[in-house]
Each structure stands twice: as structure tokens, then as C-alpha cells.
N, C-alpha and C. Protein backbone atom coordinates (compact mmCIF):
# COMPACT_ATOMS: atom_id res chain seq x y z
N MET A 1 55.95 180.83 226.73
CA MET A 1 57.18 181.16 226.51
C MET A 1 57.89 180.23 225.59
N ALA A 2 58.55 181.00 224.51
CA ALA A 2 59.09 180.17 223.60
C ALA A 2 60.48 179.64 224.04
N LEU A 3 60.86 178.46 223.61
CA LEU A 3 62.26 178.06 223.92
C LEU A 3 62.80 177.97 222.51
N ASP A 4 64.28 178.14 222.65
CA ASP A 4 65.32 177.85 221.69
C ASP A 4 65.30 176.30 221.48
N ASP A 5 65.83 175.95 220.58
CA ASP A 5 66.03 174.51 220.40
C ASP A 5 66.72 173.42 221.40
N SER A 6 68.13 174.62 221.84
CA SER A 6 68.73 173.82 222.51
C SER A 6 68.41 173.83 223.98
N THR A 7 67.60 174.73 224.52
CA THR A 7 67.28 175.03 225.83
C THR A 7 66.06 173.98 225.89
N ARG A 8 65.29 173.63 224.73
CA ARG A 8 64.14 172.69 224.80
C ARG A 8 65.03 171.27 224.90
N THR A 9 65.79 170.96 224.43
CA THR A 9 66.16 169.82 224.57
C THR A 9 67.25 169.58 225.81
N GLU A 10 67.90 170.53 226.39
CA GLU A 10 68.29 170.20 227.80
C GLU A 10 67.43 170.07 228.60
N LEU A 11 66.38 170.69 228.82
CA LEU A 11 65.01 170.55 229.37
C LEU A 11 64.59 169.28 229.53
N GLU A 12 64.39 168.75 228.16
CA GLU A 12 63.75 167.56 228.04
C GLU A 12 64.74 166.39 228.44
N ALA A 13 66.18 166.67 228.42
CA ALA A 13 67.09 165.53 228.42
C ALA A 13 67.17 165.37 230.29
N ALA A 14 66.89 166.61 230.91
CA ALA A 14 66.71 166.60 232.22
C ALA A 14 65.44 165.94 233.04
N VAL A 15 64.35 166.01 232.10
CA VAL A 15 63.24 165.53 232.40
C VAL A 15 63.35 163.97 232.48
N PHE A 16 63.89 163.66 231.30
CA PHE A 16 64.13 161.85 230.85
C PHE A 16 65.01 161.63 232.15
N ARG A 17 66.25 162.24 232.55
CA ARG A 17 67.15 161.78 233.58
C ARG A 17 66.49 161.25 234.72
N ARG A 18 65.51 162.78 235.08
CA ARG A 18 64.81 162.57 236.37
C ARG A 18 63.73 161.55 236.37
N LEU A 19 63.09 161.23 235.20
CA LEU A 19 62.31 160.06 235.19
C LEU A 19 62.79 158.85 235.38
N VAL A 20 63.87 158.46 234.57
CA VAL A 20 64.91 157.45 234.87
C VAL A 20 65.42 157.15 236.32
N GLU A 21 65.66 158.23 236.99
CA GLU A 21 66.18 158.22 238.31
C GLU A 21 65.02 157.78 239.23
N HIS A 22 63.67 158.46 238.85
CA HIS A 22 62.70 158.18 239.61
C HIS A 22 62.37 156.71 239.84
N LEU A 23 62.25 156.10 238.59
CA LEU A 23 61.78 154.69 237.91
C LEU A 23 62.87 153.77 239.07
N ARG A 24 64.37 154.34 238.72
CA ARG A 24 65.54 153.52 239.34
C ARG A 24 65.16 153.13 241.07
N GLY A 25 64.22 154.36 241.53
CA GLY A 25 63.83 154.29 242.98
C GLY A 25 63.07 153.51 243.25
N ARG A 26 62.07 153.44 242.53
CA ARG A 26 60.67 152.95 242.65
C ARG A 26 60.52 151.44 242.05
N THR A 27 61.57 150.50 242.57
CA THR A 27 61.69 149.00 242.08
C THR A 27 60.45 148.37 242.41
N ASP A 28 59.49 148.88 243.33
CA ASP A 28 58.01 148.01 243.78
C ASP A 28 57.38 148.35 242.84
N VAL A 29 57.57 149.20 241.79
CA VAL A 29 56.40 149.25 240.53
C VAL A 29 57.32 148.37 239.73
N GLN A 30 56.54 147.20 239.09
CA GLN A 30 56.71 146.49 238.17
C GLN A 30 56.55 146.98 236.65
N ASN A 31 57.11 146.43 235.99
CA ASN A 31 57.10 146.97 234.46
C ASN A 31 55.72 146.41 234.14
N ILE A 32 55.30 145.81 234.24
CA ILE A 32 53.78 145.40 234.08
C ILE A 32 52.77 146.00 234.52
N ASP A 33 53.17 146.70 235.69
CA ASP A 33 52.42 147.70 236.74
C ASP A 33 52.34 149.13 235.24
N LEU A 34 53.36 149.54 234.90
CA LEU A 34 53.67 150.36 234.10
C LEU A 34 53.05 150.30 232.87
N MET A 35 53.14 149.03 232.27
CA MET A 35 52.35 148.91 231.18
C MET A 35 50.91 148.91 231.01
N ASN A 36 50.21 148.42 232.31
CA ASN A 36 48.86 148.56 232.28
C ASN A 36 48.32 149.73 232.45
N LEU A 37 48.98 150.70 233.26
CA LEU A 37 48.60 152.22 233.32
C LEU A 37 48.86 152.96 232.51
N ALA A 38 50.05 152.99 231.97
CA ALA A 38 50.60 154.13 231.26
C ALA A 38 50.83 153.53 229.71
N GLY A 39 50.88 152.33 229.41
CA GLY A 39 51.12 151.67 228.23
C GLY A 39 52.76 152.00 227.56
N PHE A 40 53.40 152.49 228.66
CA PHE A 40 54.99 151.83 228.32
C PHE A 40 55.71 151.67 229.60
N CYS A 41 56.85 150.96 229.94
CA CYS A 41 57.48 150.62 230.81
C CYS A 41 59.10 150.76 230.51
N ARG A 42 59.98 150.63 231.71
CA ARG A 42 61.23 150.67 231.59
C ARG A 42 61.87 150.03 230.30
N ASN A 43 61.39 149.11 229.70
CA ASN A 43 62.01 148.34 228.70
C ASN A 43 61.72 149.16 227.27
N CYS A 44 60.59 149.97 227.45
CA CYS A 44 59.93 150.76 226.15
C CYS A 44 61.11 151.88 226.11
N LEU A 45 61.26 152.64 227.37
CA LEU A 45 61.92 153.83 227.60
C LEU A 45 63.50 153.37 226.81
N SER A 46 64.17 152.04 227.19
CA SER A 46 65.45 151.78 226.83
C SER A 46 65.27 151.54 225.41
N ASN A 47 64.29 150.88 224.54
CA ASN A 47 64.15 150.68 223.36
C ASN A 47 63.85 151.93 222.51
N TRP A 48 63.49 153.08 223.18
CA TRP A 48 63.25 154.37 222.34
C TRP A 48 64.75 155.18 222.33
N MET A 49 65.21 154.74 223.35
CA MET A 49 66.88 155.26 223.43
C MET A 49 67.60 154.66 222.43
N LYS A 50 67.66 153.36 222.07
CA LYS A 50 68.41 152.80 221.01
C LYS A 50 67.78 152.95 220.01
N GLU A 51 66.60 152.91 219.65
CA GLU A 51 65.92 153.65 218.24
C GLU A 51 66.58 154.94 218.03
N ALA A 52 66.72 155.93 218.97
CA ALA A 52 67.20 157.23 218.80
C ALA A 52 68.59 156.87 218.57
N ALA A 53 69.35 156.10 219.11
CA ALA A 53 70.52 156.28 218.82
C ALA A 53 71.02 155.69 217.52
N ASP A 54 70.00 154.78 217.01
CA ASP A 54 70.32 154.11 215.77
C ASP A 54 70.16 155.11 214.79
N ALA A 55 69.16 155.91 214.99
CA ALA A 55 68.81 156.91 214.07
C ALA A 55 69.75 158.05 213.76
N LYS A 56 70.67 158.18 214.79
CA LYS A 56 71.73 159.35 214.81
C LYS A 56 72.80 158.43 214.34
N GLY A 57 72.75 157.26 214.08
CA GLY A 57 74.01 156.58 213.82
C GLY A 57 75.17 156.34 215.18
N VAL A 58 74.48 156.14 216.23
CA VAL A 58 75.31 156.05 217.26
C VAL A 58 75.27 154.79 217.93
N ALA A 59 76.44 154.00 217.99
CA ALA A 59 76.28 152.77 218.31
C ALA A 59 75.91 152.38 219.89
N LEU A 60 74.94 151.75 219.79
CA LEU A 60 74.59 151.59 221.55
C LEU A 60 73.67 150.08 221.12
N SER A 61 74.17 149.31 221.79
CA SER A 61 73.45 148.00 221.92
C SER A 61 72.04 148.08 222.82
N LYS A 62 71.24 146.96 222.69
CA LYS A 62 70.12 146.86 223.34
C LYS A 62 70.41 146.78 225.26
N ASP A 63 71.41 146.18 225.40
CA ASP A 63 71.83 145.92 226.76
C ASP A 63 72.52 147.24 227.48
N GLU A 64 73.17 148.01 226.40
CA GLU A 64 73.81 149.12 226.82
C GLU A 64 72.72 150.16 227.00
N SER A 65 71.43 149.93 226.42
CA SER A 65 70.44 150.68 226.35
C SER A 65 69.69 150.81 227.90
N ARG A 66 69.65 149.38 227.81
CA ARG A 66 68.52 148.60 229.12
C ARG A 66 69.52 149.06 230.43
N GLU A 67 70.74 149.20 230.21
CA GLU A 67 71.48 149.37 231.40
C GLU A 67 71.44 151.00 231.66
N ALA A 68 71.43 151.92 230.75
CA ALA A 68 71.47 153.27 230.99
C ALA A 68 69.86 153.60 231.50
N VAL A 69 69.03 152.61 231.35
CA VAL A 69 67.53 153.02 232.05
C VAL A 69 67.47 152.54 233.20
N TYR A 70 67.82 151.27 233.35
CA TYR A 70 67.89 150.29 234.84
C TYR A 70 68.68 150.73 235.90
N GLY A 71 69.81 151.24 235.29
CA GLY A 71 70.93 151.60 236.37
C GLY A 71 71.99 150.16 236.48
N MET A 72 71.66 149.45 235.93
CA MET A 72 72.27 147.83 235.99
C MET A 72 72.04 146.98 235.08
N SER A 73 72.67 145.84 234.75
CA SER A 73 72.16 144.84 233.76
C SER A 73 70.75 144.53 234.05
N TYR A 74 70.11 143.98 232.93
CA TYR A 74 68.52 143.61 232.81
C TYR A 74 68.48 142.50 233.78
N ASP A 75 69.42 141.76 233.38
CA ASP A 75 69.45 140.27 234.12
C ASP A 75 69.52 140.50 235.60
N GLU A 76 70.67 141.55 235.88
CA GLU A 76 70.49 141.92 237.33
C GLU A 76 69.31 142.49 238.18
N TRP A 77 68.48 143.53 237.01
CA TRP A 77 67.59 144.18 237.78
C TRP A 77 66.42 143.17 237.82
N LYS A 78 66.10 142.09 237.12
CA LYS A 78 65.07 141.18 237.22
C LYS A 78 65.29 140.25 238.14
N ALA A 79 66.58 139.92 238.61
CA ALA A 79 67.04 139.06 239.68
C ALA A 79 66.67 139.54 240.93
N LYS A 80 66.87 141.08 241.09
CA LYS A 80 66.81 141.67 242.32
C LYS A 80 65.26 141.92 242.46
N HIS A 81 64.78 142.52 241.54
CA HIS A 81 63.45 143.33 241.62
C HIS A 81 61.83 142.87 241.07
N GLN A 82 62.25 141.99 240.07
CA GLN A 82 61.25 141.51 239.28
C GLN A 82 60.38 140.61 239.88
N ARG A 83 59.08 140.66 240.12
CA ARG A 83 58.39 139.45 240.47
C ARG A 83 57.29 138.91 239.72
N GLU A 84 56.75 137.83 239.77
CA GLU A 84 55.91 137.20 239.00
C GLU A 84 54.74 138.16 238.98
N ALA A 85 54.18 138.21 237.74
CA ALA A 85 52.67 138.99 237.75
C ALA A 85 51.82 138.08 238.46
N SER A 86 50.75 139.11 239.12
CA SER A 86 49.88 138.29 239.59
C SER A 86 48.90 138.07 238.70
N PRO A 87 47.76 137.00 239.02
CA PRO A 87 46.74 136.91 237.84
C PRO A 87 45.96 138.13 237.26
N ASP A 88 45.60 139.02 238.34
CA ASP A 88 45.13 140.18 237.65
C ASP A 88 45.89 141.37 236.91
N GLN A 89 47.38 141.38 237.71
CA GLN A 89 48.21 142.11 236.32
C GLN A 89 48.17 141.48 235.02
N ALA A 90 48.38 140.07 235.07
CA ALA A 90 48.29 139.58 233.77
C ALA A 90 47.11 139.39 232.75
N ALA A 91 46.07 139.60 233.94
CA ALA A 91 44.61 139.61 233.04
C ALA A 91 44.76 141.07 232.18
N ALA A 92 44.93 141.96 233.21
CA ALA A 92 44.87 143.54 232.76
C ALA A 92 45.71 143.81 231.72
N PHE A 93 46.76 143.12 231.66
CA PHE A 93 47.90 143.16 230.65
C PHE A 93 47.51 142.63 229.16
N GLU A 94 46.53 141.52 229.38
CA GLU A 94 46.08 140.86 228.33
C GLU A 94 44.85 141.79 227.54
N LYS A 95 44.21 142.26 228.43
CA LYS A 95 42.99 142.92 228.05
C LYS A 95 43.21 144.29 227.42
N GLY A 96 44.01 144.65 227.83
CA GLY A 96 44.34 146.52 227.26
C GLY A 96 45.31 146.96 226.79
N THR A 97 46.25 145.83 226.59
CA THR A 97 47.89 146.37 226.03
C THR A 97 48.06 146.03 224.64
N PRO A 98 47.83 146.50 223.59
CA PRO A 98 48.18 146.39 222.38
C PRO A 98 49.59 146.37 222.19
N HIS A 99 50.33 146.83 222.95
CA HIS A 99 51.75 146.74 222.56
C HIS A 99 52.40 145.92 223.36
N ARG A 100 53.26 145.03 222.67
CA ARG A 100 54.13 143.96 223.28
C ARG A 100 55.58 144.25 222.81
N HIS A 101 56.48 144.20 223.89
CA HIS A 101 57.86 144.41 223.80
C HIS A 101 58.32 142.84 223.12
């Protein structure tokens, strides 16, 4: 099935919103878990959003892009949901993740 650009963009935006909403609901899944398993995390999504905004000349700060992904300020999310990485998580991250934010 061929999609026109407008429809494809709308579908991609809907998928992104659903992914973000899903991640907001899964606060038990830590960013390090995402990095270890998928090679990206919530911070990556917010960085990609900022990069896209920059490319379009849209004013969007790093804090604003993180709030768009986390649904709250990054500091608030960390205080409410972020746990210290376990030794196993940290070791897996060091072993297998070439990307660092």
C-alpha cells in the first residue's frame, strides 16, 4: 500500500505519541534497561525531537523536549521514578552500548 507523504507523517506522529504515552506509563522500565535492550531511551527520543526542531528552525529547548517525552520535567521524573542502576545493568551498559548521551 502506497501512502502519500501527509498520511505517512500523520501515522508516524500517531505512532510516536503512542510510544511516548506507553513509556510514560511504564515508569518501571528504566532508561538503562531501554539502552541495554534497544540502544535508545527516553533521553534519546527527546534529543531526536530537539534535533528535528533545530533542523526546522523551531525554538525548542532541551528541557522542553524532555518534558514532551517524559510528561513532566526531567528532574521531577528522576526524583519520582529513577532508581540506581544495578551492578548487572551498569555492566551490560558498559559492555554493549557504544552510544552515550
